[in-house]
Amino acid sequence: VQQIADYPNLGPYLRDIYQHPGVAD
C-alpha cells in the first residue's frame, strides 16, 4: 500500500534509529 520511505514521520524515524550509535552495524 505504501513504502516506509514515503511516510512523513516513519521514514525519518527509521533513519533516526538506524543512525543511533551501534544500530547500523
PDB file of all heavy atoms in Angstrom:
ATOM      1  N   VAL A   1       0.835  -1.199   0.000  1.00  0.00           N
ATOM      2  CA  VAL A   1       0.000   0.000   0.000  1.00  0.00           C
ATOM      3  C   VAL A   1       0.873   1.254   0.000  1.00  0.00           C
ATOM      4  O   VAL A   1       0.588   2.231  -0.687  1.00  0.00           O
ATOM      5  CB  VAL A   1      -0.954   0.000   1.219  1.00  0.00           C
ATOM      6  CG1 VAL A   1      -1.725   1.312   1.307  1.00  0.00           C
ATOM      7  CG2 VAL A   1      -1.915  -1.188   1.139  1.00  0.00           C
ATOM      8  N   GLN A   2       1.959   1.197   0.752  1.00  0.00           N
ATOM      9  CA  GLN A   2       2.858   2.351   0.850  1.00  0.00           C
ATOM     10  C   GLN A   2       4.212   1.890   1.351  1.00  0.00           C
ATOM     11  O   GLN A   2       4.312   0.919   2.114  1.00  0.00           O
ATOM     12  CB  GLN A   2       2.279   3.400   1.812  1.00  0.00           C
ATOM     13  CG  GLN A   2       3.006   4.734   1.799  1.00  0.00           C
ATOM     14  CD  GLN A   2       2.235   5.799   2.564  1.00  0.00           C
ATOM     15  OE1 GLN A   2       1.058   5.625   2.880  1.00  0.00           O
ATOM     16  NE2 GLN A   2       2.888   6.901   2.860  1.00  0.00           N
ATOM     17  N   GLN A   3       5.279   2.546   0.921  1.00  0.00           N
ATOM     18  CA  GLN A   3       6.607   2.269   1.430  1.00  0.00           C
ATOM     19  C   GLN A   3       6.872   3.103   2.682  1.00  0.00           C
ATOM     20  O   GLN A   3       6.331   4.198   2.832  1.00  0.00           O
ATOM     21  CB  GLN A   3       7.668   2.578   0.376  1.00  0.00           C
ATOM     22  CG  GLN A   3       7.664   1.647  -0.811  1.00  0.00           C
ATOM     23  CD  GLN A   3       8.845   1.903  -1.731  1.00  0.00           C
ATOM     24  OE1 GLN A   3       9.218   3.056  -1.962  1.00  0.00           O
ATOM     25  NE2 GLN A   3       9.429   0.845  -2.258  1.00  0.00           N
ATOM     26  N   ILE A   4       7.711   2.596   3.564  1.00  0.00           N
ATOM     27  CA  ILE A   4       8.051   3.336   4.778  1.00  0.00           C
ATOM     28  C   ILE A   4       8.760   4.638   4.423  1.00  0.00           C
ATOM     29  O   ILE A   4       8.557   5.672   5.080  1.00  0.00           O
ATOM     30  CB  ILE A   4       8.927   2.485   5.711  1.00  0.00           C
ATOM     31  CG1 ILE A   4       8.166   1.221   6.153  1.00  0.00           C
ATOM     32  CG2 ILE A   4       9.361   3.294   6.938  1.00  0.00           C
ATOM     33  CD1 ILE A   4       6.848   1.489   6.859  1.00  0.00           C
ATOM     34  N   ALA A   5       9.573   4.624   3.378  1.00  0.00           N
ATOM     35  CA  ALA A   5      10.313   5.825   2.972  1.00  0.00           C
ATOM     36  C   ALA A   5       9.391   6.975   2.610  1.00  0.00           C
ATOM     37  O   ALA A   5       9.799   8.147   2.651  1.00  0.00           O
ATOM     38  CB  ALA A   5      11.231   5.501   1.798  1.00  0.00           C
ATOM     39  N   ASP A   6       8.129   6.664   2.265  1.00  0.00           N
ATOM     40  CA  ASP A   6       7.184   7.703   1.840  1.00  0.00           C
ATOM     41  C   ASP A   6       6.375   8.294   2.988  1.00  0.00           C
ATOM     42  O   ASP A   6       5.664   9.283   2.796  1.00  0.00           O
ATOM     43  CB  ASP A   6       6.232   7.142   0.781  1.00  0.00           C
ATOM     44  CG  ASP A   6       6.963   6.746  -0.491  1.00  0.00           C
ATOM     45  OD1 ASP A   6       8.001   7.362  -0.779  1.00  0.00           O
ATOM     46  OD2 ASP A   6       6.500   5.817  -1.179  1.00  0.00           O
ATOM     47  N   TYR A   7       6.469   7.716   4.172  1.00  0.00           N
ATOM     48  CA  TYR A   7       5.759   8.268   5.329  1.00  0.00           C
ATOM     49  C   TYR A   7       6.512   9.497   5.839  1.00  0.00           C
ATOM     50  O   TYR A   7       7.739   9.465   5.977  1.00  0.00           O
ATOM     51  CB  TYR A   7       5.664   7.237   6.452  1.00  0.00           C
ATOM     52  CG  TYR A   7       4.568   6.216   6.298  1.00  0.00           C
ATOM     53  CD1 TYR A   7       4.808   4.999   5.671  1.00  0.00           C
ATOM     54  CD2 TYR A   7       3.293   6.455   6.794  1.00  0.00           C
ATOM     55  CE1 TYR A   7       3.808   4.045   5.538  1.00  0.00           C
ATOM     56  CE2 TYR A   7       2.280   5.517   6.673  1.00  0.00           C
ATOM     57  CZ  TYR A   7       2.544   4.310   6.042  1.00  0.00           C
ATOM     58  OH  TYR A   7       1.552   3.374   5.915  1.00  0.00           O
ATOM     59  N   PRO A   8       5.801  10.570   6.169  1.00  0.00           N
ATOM     60  CA  PRO A   8       6.487  11.799   6.593  1.00  0.00           C
ATOM     61  C   PRO A   8       7.222  11.669   7.917  1.00  0.00           C
ATOM     62  O   PRO A   8       8.209  12.378   8.150  1.00  0.00           O
ATOM     63  CB  PRO A   8       5.344  12.820   6.701  1.00  0.00           C
ATOM     64  CG  PRO A   8       4.098  12.013   6.854  1.00  0.00           C
ATOM     65  CD  PRO A   8       4.339  10.756   6.072  1.00  0.00           C
ATOM     66  N   ASN A   9       6.782  10.749   8.790  1.00  0.00           N
ATOM     67  CA  ASN A   9       7.428  10.611  10.097  1.00  0.00           C
ATOM     68  C   ASN A   9       8.078   9.246  10.291  1.00  0.00           C
ATOM     69  O   ASN A   9       9.160   9.163  10.876  1.00  0.00           O
ATOM     70  CB  ASN A   9       6.403  10.872  11.211  1.00  0.00           C
ATOM     71  CG  ASN A   9       5.797  12.262  11.084  1.00  0.00           C
ATOM     72  OD1 ASN A   9       6.504  13.262  11.175  1.00  0.00           O
ATOM     73  ND2 ASN A   9       4.498  12.328  10.851  1.00  0.00           N
ATOM     74  N   LEU A  10       7.447   8.179   9.826  1.00  0.00           N
ATOM     75  CA  LEU A  10       8.043   6.854   9.968  1.00  0.00           C
ATOM     76  C   LEU A  10       9.353   6.742   9.202  1.00  0.00           C
ATOM     77  O   LEU A  10      10.307   6.102   9.668  1.00  0.00           O
ATOM     78  CB  LEU A  10       7.076   5.769   9.487  1.00  0.00           C
ATOM     79  CG  LEU A  10       5.971   5.340  10.452  1.00  0.00           C
ATOM     80  CD1 LEU A  10       5.026   4.367   9.768  1.00  0.00           C
ATOM     81  CD2 LEU A  10       6.549   4.716  11.717  1.00  0.00           C
ATOM     82  N   GLY A  11       9.430   7.367   8.020  1.00  0.00           N
ATOM     83  CA  GLY A  11      10.668   7.322   7.248  1.00  0.00           C
ATOM     84  C   GLY A  11      11.833   7.976   7.981  1.00  0.00           C
ATOM     85  O   GLY A  11      12.883   7.353   8.178  1.00  0.00           O
ATOM     86  N   PRO A  12      11.697   9.235   8.422  1.00  0.00           N
ATOM     87  CA  PRO A  12      12.763   9.854   9.217  1.00  0.00           C
ATOM     88  C   PRO A  12      13.036   9.135  10.536  1.00  0.00           C
ATOM     89  O   PRO A  12      14.180   9.067  10.984  1.00  0.00           O
ATOM     90  CB  PRO A  12      12.231  11.279   9.455  1.00  0.00           C
ATOM     91  CG  PRO A  12      11.322  11.528   8.294  1.00  0.00           C
ATOM     92  CD  PRO A  12      10.663  10.209   8.025  1.00  0.00           C
ATOM     93  N   TYR A  13      11.989   8.609  11.171  1.00  0.00           N
ATOM     94  CA  TYR A  13      12.159   7.855  12.415  1.00  0.00           C
ATOM     95  C   TYR A  13      13.027   6.621  12.177  1.00  0.00           C
ATOM     96  O   TYR A  13      13.936   6.322  12.975  1.00  0.00           O
ATOM     97  CB  TYR A  13      10.779   7.458  12.944  1.00  0.00           C
ATOM     98  CG  TYR A  13      10.760   6.427  14.048  1.00  0.00           C
ATOM     99  CD1 TYR A  13      10.967   6.791  15.378  1.00  0.00           C
ATOM    100  CD2 TYR A  13      10.487   5.091  13.755  1.00  0.00           C
ATOM    101  CE1 TYR A  13      10.914   5.838  16.396  1.00  0.00           C
ATOM    102  CE2 TYR A  13      10.431   4.137  14.760  1.00  0.00           C
ATOM    103  CZ  TYR A  13      10.655   4.514  16.079  1.00  0.00           C
ATOM    104  OH  TYR A  13      10.600   3.567  17.062  1.00  0.00           O
ATOM    105  N   LEU A  14      12.770   5.908  11.087  1.00  0.00           N
ATOM    106  CA  LEU A  14      13.585   4.753  10.748  1.00  0.00           C
ATOM    107  C   LEU A  14      15.054   5.142  10.605  1.00  0.00           C
ATOM    108  O   LEU A  14      15.943   4.481  11.148  1.00  0.00           O
ATOM    109  CB  LEU A  14      13.077   4.131   9.447  1.00  0.00           C
ATOM    110  CG  LEU A  14      13.964   3.106   8.747  1.00  0.00           C
ATOM    111  CD1 LEU A  14      14.300   1.936   9.660  1.00  0.00           C
ATOM    112  CD2 LEU A  14      13.302   2.612   7.462  1.00  0.00           C
ATOM    113  N   ARG A  15      15.317   6.243   9.909  1.00  0.00           N
ATOM    114  CA  ARG A  15      16.697   6.692   9.736  1.00  0.00           C
ATOM    115  C   ARG A  15      17.308   7.129  11.068  1.00  0.00           C
ATOM    116  O   ARG A  15      18.490   6.895  11.325  1.00  0.00           O
ATOM    117  CB  ARG A  15      16.766   7.840   8.721  1.00  0.00           C
ATOM    118  CG  ARG A  15      16.265   7.458   7.336  1.00  0.00           C
ATOM    119  CD  ARG A  15      16.773   8.428   6.275  1.00  0.00           C
ATOM    120  NE  ARG A  15      16.525   9.824   6.580  1.00  0.00           N
ATOM    121  CZ  ARG A  15      15.408  10.477   6.305  1.00  0.00           C
ATOM    122  NH1 ARG A  15      14.389   9.849   5.728  1.00  0.00           N
ATOM    123  NH2 ARG A  15      15.275  11.760   6.612  1.00  0.00           N
ATOM    124  N   ASP A  16      16.515   7.752  11.912  1.00  0.00           N
ATOM    125  CA  ASP A  16      16.987   8.204  13.217  1.00  0.00           C
ATOM    126  C   ASP A  16      17.452   7.019  14.064  1.00  0.00           C
ATOM    127  O   ASP A  16      18.528   7.060  14.685  1.00  0.00           O
ATOM    128  CB  ASP A  16      15.862   8.966  13.922  1.00  0.00           C
ATOM    129  CG  ASP A  16      16.331   9.700  15.182  1.00  0.00           C
ATOM    130  OD1 ASP A  16      17.541   9.907  15.330  1.00  0.00           O
ATOM    131  OD2 ASP A  16      15.462  10.072  15.991  1.00  0.00           O
ATOM    132  N   ILE A  17      16.656   5.948  14.107  1.00  0.00           N
ATOM    133  CA  ILE A  17      17.039   4.770  14.884  1.00  0.00           C
ATOM    134  C   ILE A  17      18.255   4.101  14.250  1.00  0.00           C
ATOM    135  O   ILE A  17      19.195   3.692  14.953  1.00  0.00           O
ATOM    136  CB  ILE A  17      15.882   3.764  14.988  1.00  0.00           C
ATOM    137  CG1 ILE A  17      14.616   4.424  15.572  1.00  0.00           C
ATOM    138  CG2 ILE A  17      16.290   2.560  15.838  1.00  0.00           C
ATOM    139  CD1 ILE A  17      14.778   4.998  16.944  1.00  0.00           C
ATOM    140  N   TYR A  18      18.280   4.000  12.943  1.00  0.00           N
ATOM    141  CA  TYR A  18      19.422   3.395  12.241  1.00  0.00           C
ATOM    142  C   TYR A  18      20.715   4.126  12.572  1.00  0.00           C
ATOM    143  O   TYR A  18      21.776   3.506  12.726  1.00  0.00           O
ATOM    144  CB  TYR A  18      19.149   3.430  10.740  1.00  0.00           C
ATOM    145  CG  TYR A  18      20.251   2.847   9.886  1.00  0.00           C
ATOM    146  CD1 TYR A  18      20.300   1.479   9.611  1.00  0.00           C
ATOM    147  CD2 TYR A  18      21.242   3.654   9.330  1.00  0.00           C
ATOM    148  CE1 TYR A  18      21.308   0.937   8.824  1.00  0.00           C
ATOM    149  CE2 TYR A  18      22.255   3.127   8.542  1.00  0.00           C
ATOM    150  CZ  TYR A  18      22.281   1.763   8.290  1.00  0.00           C
ATOM    151  OH  TYR A  18      23.280   1.238   7.509  1.00  0.00           O
ATOM    152  N   GLN A  19      20.626   5.451  12.695  1.00  0.00           N
ATOM    153  CA  GLN A  19      21.808   6.259  12.962  1.00  0.00           C
ATOM    154  C   GLN A  19      22.166   6.349  14.445  1.00  0.00           C
ATOM    155  O   GLN A  19      23.183   6.939  14.811  1.00  0.00           O
ATOM    156  CB  GLN A  19      21.604   7.672  12.385  1.00  0.00           C
ATOM    157  CG  GLN A  19      21.524   7.697  10.869  1.00  0.00           C
ATOM    158  CD  GLN A  19      20.991   9.001  10.309  1.00  0.00           C
ATOM    159  OE1 GLN A  19      21.083  10.052  10.940  1.00  0.00           O
ATOM    160  NE2 GLN A  19      20.404   8.948   9.118  1.00  0.00           N
ATOM    161  N   HIS A  20      21.339   5.750  15.301  1.00  0.00           N
ATOM    162  CA  HIS A  20      21.664   5.683  16.731  1.00  0.00           C
ATOM    163  C   HIS A  20      22.953   4.886  16.888  1.00  0.00           C
ATOM    164  O   HIS A  20      23.119   3.835  16.253  1.00  0.00           O
ATOM    165  CB  HIS A  20      20.519   5.003  17.491  1.00  0.00           C
ATOM    166  CG  HIS A  20      20.644   5.074  18.970  1.00  0.00           C
ATOM    167  ND1 HIS A  20      20.082   6.065  19.730  1.00  0.00           N
ATOM    168  CD2 HIS A  20      21.288   4.262  19.852  1.00  0.00           C
ATOM    169  CE1 HIS A  20      20.349   5.865  21.005  1.00  0.00           C
ATOM    170  NE2 HIS A  20      21.093   4.781  21.100  1.00  0.00           N
ATOM    171  N   PRO A  21      23.906   5.335  17.709  1.00  0.00           N
ATOM    172  CA  PRO A  21      25.198   4.645  17.816  1.00  0.00           C
ATOM    173  C   PRO A  21      25.061   3.147  18.054  1.00  0.00           C
ATOM    174  O   PRO A  21      24.394   2.715  18.996  1.00  0.00           O
ATOM    175  CB  PRO A  21      25.865   5.351  19.005  1.00  0.00           C
ATOM    176  CG  PRO A  21      25.281   6.729  18.993  1.00  0.00           C
ATOM    177  CD  PRO A  21      23.851   6.545  18.563  1.00  0.00           C
ATOM    178  N   GLY A  22      25.684   2.363  17.177  1.00  0.00           N
ATOM    179  CA  GLY A  22      25.700   0.915  17.308  1.00  0.00           C
ATOM    180  C   GLY A  22      24.659   0.179  16.501  1.00  0.00           C
ATOM    181  O   GLY A  22      24.808  -1.014  16.234  1.00  0.00           O
ATOM    182  N   VAL A  23      23.587   0.851  16.087  1.00  0.00           N
ATOM    183  CA  VAL A  23      22.488   0.153  15.426  1.00  0.00           C
ATOM    184  C   VAL A  23      22.832  -0.213  13.988  1.00  0.00           C
ATOM    185  O   VAL A  23      22.562  -1.337  13.524  1.00  0.00           O
ATOM    186  CB  VAL A  23      21.187   0.981  15.488  1.00  0.00           C
ATOM    187  CG1 VAL A  23      20.088   0.327  14.652  1.00  0.00           C
ATOM    188  CG2 VAL A  23      20.725   1.130  16.939  1.00  0.00           C
ATOM    189  N   ALA A  24      23.410   0.699  13.232  1.00  0.00           N
ATOM    190  CA  ALA A  24      23.688   0.448  11.810  1.00  0.00           C
ATOM    191  C   ALA A  24      24.519  -0.811  11.615  1.00  0.00           C
ATOM    192  O   ALA A  24      24.302  -1.565  10.648  1.00  0.00           O
ATOM    193  CB  ALA A  24      24.390   1.653  11.191  1.00  0.00           C
ATOM    194  N   ASP A  25      25.449  -1.076  12.514  1.00  0.00           N
ATOM    195  CA  ASP A  25      26.315  -2.248  12.375  1.00  0.00           C
ATOM    196  C   ASP A  25      25.565  -3.560  12.530  1.00  0.00           C
ATOM    197  O   ASP A  25      26.102  -4.621  12.187  1.00  0.00           O
ATOM    198  CB  ASP A  25      27.446  -2.196  13.401  1.00  0.00           C
ATOM    199  CG  ASP A  25      28.463  -1.115  13.086  1.00  0.00           C
ATOM    200  OD1 ASP A  25      28.516  -0.663  11.924  1.00  0.00           O
ATOM    201  OD2 ASP A  25      29.208  -0.707  14.013  1.00  0.00           O
TER     202      ASP A  25
END
